[in-house]
């Protein structure tokens, strides 16, 4: 029998279209508390977080986030009325140890799973115009270097895991309702058990 954690791992996909319902501030605060206590290489704790949920600021920075590079913008980019209602920007502060990249990945997945527990979907974004976003947000410490962003909101589409096709393509597909189908390799194809 699969655990609740396994269920969340399977369901917690990337979402790119959202209902225009604000993500509660208490949930965002809880996510930051969860990620605050997440593992950190050498316990260096170099990550910092910018939470943006003010409606005007969210609208101002929307154009600087680019979704679904593998798809044409008219399919992959959320249109007006289906954009995220909050963002969390993961930053590093000061000299980043070589473990910072690992910490960023741990933090991103911690935030994703914590949000999904409350049925809030997310999209991890690296294709972001951070130099334009930071001034639009304002008052970001100059020692904070943005590394990754999460778009957050209540999903307005589905994202389903499907078996990888025989040709081995990892390309995801989108149906006429703009629901996503994401191929994943079989367990036996990624595992060496001794």
Protein backbone atom coordinates (compact mmCIF):
# COMPACT_ATOMS: atom_id res chain seq x y z
CA UNK A 1 0.00 0.00 0.00
CA UNK A 2 1.37 3.43 -0.93
CA UNK A 3 1.88 6.01 1.78
CA UNK A 4 0.41 9.49 1.83
CA UNK A 5 3.90 10.76 1.01
CA UNK A 6 4.05 8.53 -2.10
CA UNK A 7 0.62 9.82 -3.13
CA UNK A 8 1.82 13.42 -2.83
CA UNK A 9 4.99 12.65 -4.80
CA UNK A 10 2.91 11.23 -7.65
CA UNK A 11 0.27 13.98 -7.62
CA UNK A 12 2.58 16.95 -7.01
CA UNK A 13 3.26 17.75 -10.64
CA UNK A 14 4.09 21.02 -12.37
CA UNK A 15 1.08 23.27 -12.87
CA UNK A 16 1.07 26.26 -15.21
CA UNK A 17 -2.53 27.52 -15.12
CA UNK A 18 -4.17 28.66 -11.92
CA UNK A 19 -7.53 29.70 -10.55
CA UNK A 20 -7.49 33.31 -9.43
CA UNK A 21 -7.89 32.45 -5.75
CA UNK A 22 -5.22 33.97 -3.48
CA UNK A 23 -2.90 31.58 -1.67
CA UNK A 24 -3.51 32.21 2.06
CA UNK A 25 -0.73 34.11 3.81
CA UNK A 26 -0.80 31.59 6.66
CA UNK A 27 0.02 28.81 4.18
CA UNK A 28 2.93 30.82 2.78
CA UNK A 29 4.21 31.46 6.31
CA UNK A 30 3.96 27.72 7.07
CA UNK A 31 5.89 26.87 3.90
CA UNK A 32 8.72 29.17 4.94
CA UNK A 33 8.76 27.56 8.39
CA UNK A 34 8.94 24.10 6.75
CA UNK A 35 11.81 25.08 4.47
CA UNK A 36 13.60 26.89 7.32
CA UNK A 37 14.14 23.55 9.06
CA UNK A 38 14.96 21.57 5.88
CA UNK A 39 18.39 19.94 5.53
CA UNK A 40 21.27 22.19 4.46
CA UNK A 41 24.75 21.11 3.33
CA UNK A 42 27.24 21.62 6.19
CA UNK A 43 24.25 23.30 7.93
CA UNK A 44 25.43 26.50 6.21
CA UNK A 45 21.84 27.75 5.77
CA UNK A 46 22.71 30.12 2.90
CA UNK A 47 19.22 30.21 1.39
CA UNK A 48 16.89 33.19 1.70
CA UNK A 49 13.31 33.51 0.47
CA UNK A 50 11.29 36.32 -1.07
CA UNK A 51 7.53 35.70 -0.82
CA UNK A 52 5.39 37.77 -3.18
CA UNK A 53 1.63 37.58 -2.70
CA UNK A 54 0.56 41.23 -2.93
CA UNK A 55 -1.80 41.29 -5.91
CA UNK A 56 -0.27 44.40 -7.52
CA UNK A 57 3.31 43.19 -7.09
CA UNK A 58 2.42 39.74 -8.43
CA UNK A 59 0.85 41.39 -11.51
CA UNK A 60 3.89 43.65 -11.98
CA UNK A 61 6.39 40.75 -12.03
CA UNK A 62 4.31 38.20 -14.02
CA UNK A 63 5.84 39.11 -17.42
CA UNK A 64 9.33 38.20 -16.21
CA UNK A 65 8.55 34.51 -15.59
CA UNK A 66 8.71 32.17 -18.59
CA UNK A 67 6.90 28.83 -18.42
CA UNK A 68 7.17 25.59 -20.43
CA UNK A 69 10.12 26.30 -22.71
CA UNK A 70 9.34 23.08 -24.62
CA UNK A 71 5.96 24.45 -25.74
CA UNK A 72 4.85 27.44 -27.83
CA UNK A 73 4.07 30.40 -25.52
CA UNK A 74 0.36 30.36 -26.40
CA UNK A 75 0.15 26.85 -24.92
CA UNK A 76 2.75 26.87 -22.14
CA UNK A 77 2.58 30.42 -20.80
CA UNK A 78 -0.38 31.15 -18.49
CA UNK A 79 -2.72 33.75 -19.98
CA UNK A 80 -4.36 36.59 -18.10
CA UNK A 81 -6.87 35.11 -15.66
CA UNK A 82 -4.86 31.90 -15.19
CA UNK A 83 -1.59 33.25 -13.81
CA UNK A 84 -0.05 32.31 -10.44
CA UNK A 85 -1.31 34.24 -7.42
CA UNK A 86 1.96 34.03 -5.45
CA UNK A 87 5.66 33.49 -5.98
CA UNK A 88 8.51 32.34 -3.77
CA UNK A 89 11.97 33.28 -4.98
CA UNK A 90 14.81 31.19 -3.57
CA UNK A 91 18.03 33.17 -3.12
CA UNK A 92 21.50 32.50 -1.82
CA UNK A 93 23.26 34.98 0.45
CA UNK A 94 26.94 35.81 0.34
CA UNK A 95 29.51 33.26 -0.73
CA UNK A 96 27.64 30.14 -1.68
CA UNK A 97 29.25 26.83 -0.72
CA UNK A 98 29.35 24.12 -3.37
CA UNK A 99 26.37 22.53 -1.62
CA UNK A 100 24.09 25.52 -2.38
CA UNK A 101 22.70 23.92 -5.54
CA UNK A 102 21.72 20.83 -3.58
CA UNK A 103 20.11 22.98 -0.90
CA UNK A 104 18.12 24.85 -3.56
CA UNK A 105 16.75 21.56 -4.91
CA UNK A 106 15.84 20.33 -1.43
CA UNK A 107 14.14 23.66 -0.68
CA UNK A 108 12.18 23.71 -3.94
CA UNK A 109 10.78 20.22 -3.43
CA UNK A 110 10.03 20.91 0.24
CA UNK A 111 8.04 23.99 -0.79
CA UNK A 112 6.28 22.08 -3.59
CA UNK A 113 5.18 19.19 -1.38
CA UNK A 114 4.15 21.49 1.46
CA UNK A 115 1.99 23.52 -0.90
CA UNK A 116 0.49 20.41 -2.49
CA UNK A 117 -0.56 19.11 0.92
CA UNK A 118 -3.02 22.05 0.87
CA UNK A 119 -3.88 21.46 -2.82
CA UNK A 120 -1.84 24.47 -3.94
CA UNK A 121 0.01 23.71 -7.15
CA UNK A 122 3.37 25.04 -8.21
CA UNK A 123 5.81 25.41 -11.04
CA UNK A 124 9.55 25.54 -10.42
CA UNK A 125 11.01 28.19 -12.70
CA UNK A 126 14.57 28.86 -13.76
CA UNK A 127 13.77 30.84 -16.92
CA UNK A 128 13.23 34.06 -14.98
CA UNK A 129 14.37 37.63 -15.63
CA UNK A 130 15.60 38.19 -12.08
CA UNK A 131 17.36 41.52 -12.86
CA UNK A 132 13.94 42.97 -13.78
CA UNK A 133 12.03 41.30 -10.94
CA UNK A 134 14.13 42.48 -8.02
CA UNK A 135 13.65 46.22 -8.68
CA UNK A 136 9.92 45.61 -9.24
CA UNK A 137 9.73 43.97 -5.81
CA UNK A 138 11.94 46.57 -4.12
CA UNK A 139 14.02 46.52 -0.92
CA UNK A 140 15.70 43.17 -1.64
CA UNK A 141 19.07 42.99 0.16
CA UNK A 142 21.92 43.33 -2.34
CA UNK A 143 23.62 40.25 -0.87
CA UNK A 144 20.66 38.05 -1.89
CA UNK A 145 21.25 36.37 -5.25
CA UNK A 146 18.10 34.83 -6.80
CA UNK A 147 18.57 31.25 -7.97
CA UNK A 148 15.13 29.74 -8.59
CA UNK A 149 11.47 30.66 -8.30
CA UNK A 150 8.23 28.85 -7.54
CA UNK A 151 4.96 30.02 -9.00
CA UNK A 152 2.04 29.09 -6.74
CA UNK A 153 -1.72 28.88 -7.02
CA UNK A 154 -4.72 26.59 -7.07
CA UNK A 155 -4.42 24.49 -10.26
CA UNK A 156 -6.84 25.03 -13.13
CA UNK A 157 -5.74 21.96 -15.11
CA UNK A 158 -4.51 18.44 -14.50
CA UNK A 159 -1.02 17.03 -14.86
CA UNK A 160 -0.84 13.26 -15.19
CA UNK A 161 2.09 10.84 -15.18
CA UNK A 162 2.06 8.47 -18.16
CA UNK A 163 4.37 5.65 -19.23
CA UNK A 164 7.31 6.68 -21.36
CA UNK A 165 6.71 5.85 -25.03
CA UNK A 166 8.74 3.15 -26.78
CA UNK A 167 10.93 5.77 -28.47
CA UNK A 168 12.11 7.00 -25.04
CA UNK A 169 10.89 10.57 -25.53
CA UNK A 170 10.64 12.59 -22.32
CA UNK A 171 8.59 15.32 -24.03
CA UNK A 172 5.36 16.09 -22.23
CA UNK A 173 2.18 16.62 -24.19
CA UNK A 174 -0.88 18.82 -23.76
CA UNK A 175 -4.42 17.91 -24.79
CA UNK A 176 -7.13 20.20 -26.21
CA UNK A 177 -8.17 21.27 -22.69
CA UNK A 178 -4.50 22.11 -22.00
CA UNK A 179 -4.07 19.30 -19.47
CA UNK A 180 -0.53 17.94 -19.23
CA UNK A 181 0.71 14.36 -19.69
CA UNK A 182 4.23 13.76 -18.42
CA UNK A 183 6.10 10.56 -19.39
CA UNK A 184 8.21 8.92 -16.70
CA UNK A 185 10.69 6.08 -17.00
CA UNK A 186 9.82 2.72 -15.45
CA UNK A 187 11.37 1.97 -12.08
CA UNK A 188 13.41 -0.92 -13.51
CA UNK A 189 14.95 1.48 -16.05
CA UNK A 190 16.39 3.79 -13.39
CA UNK A 191 17.37 1.30 -10.69
CA UNK A 192 20.37 -0.93 -10.08
CA UNK A 193 19.67 -3.14 -7.09
CA UNK A 194 22.46 -5.31 -5.62
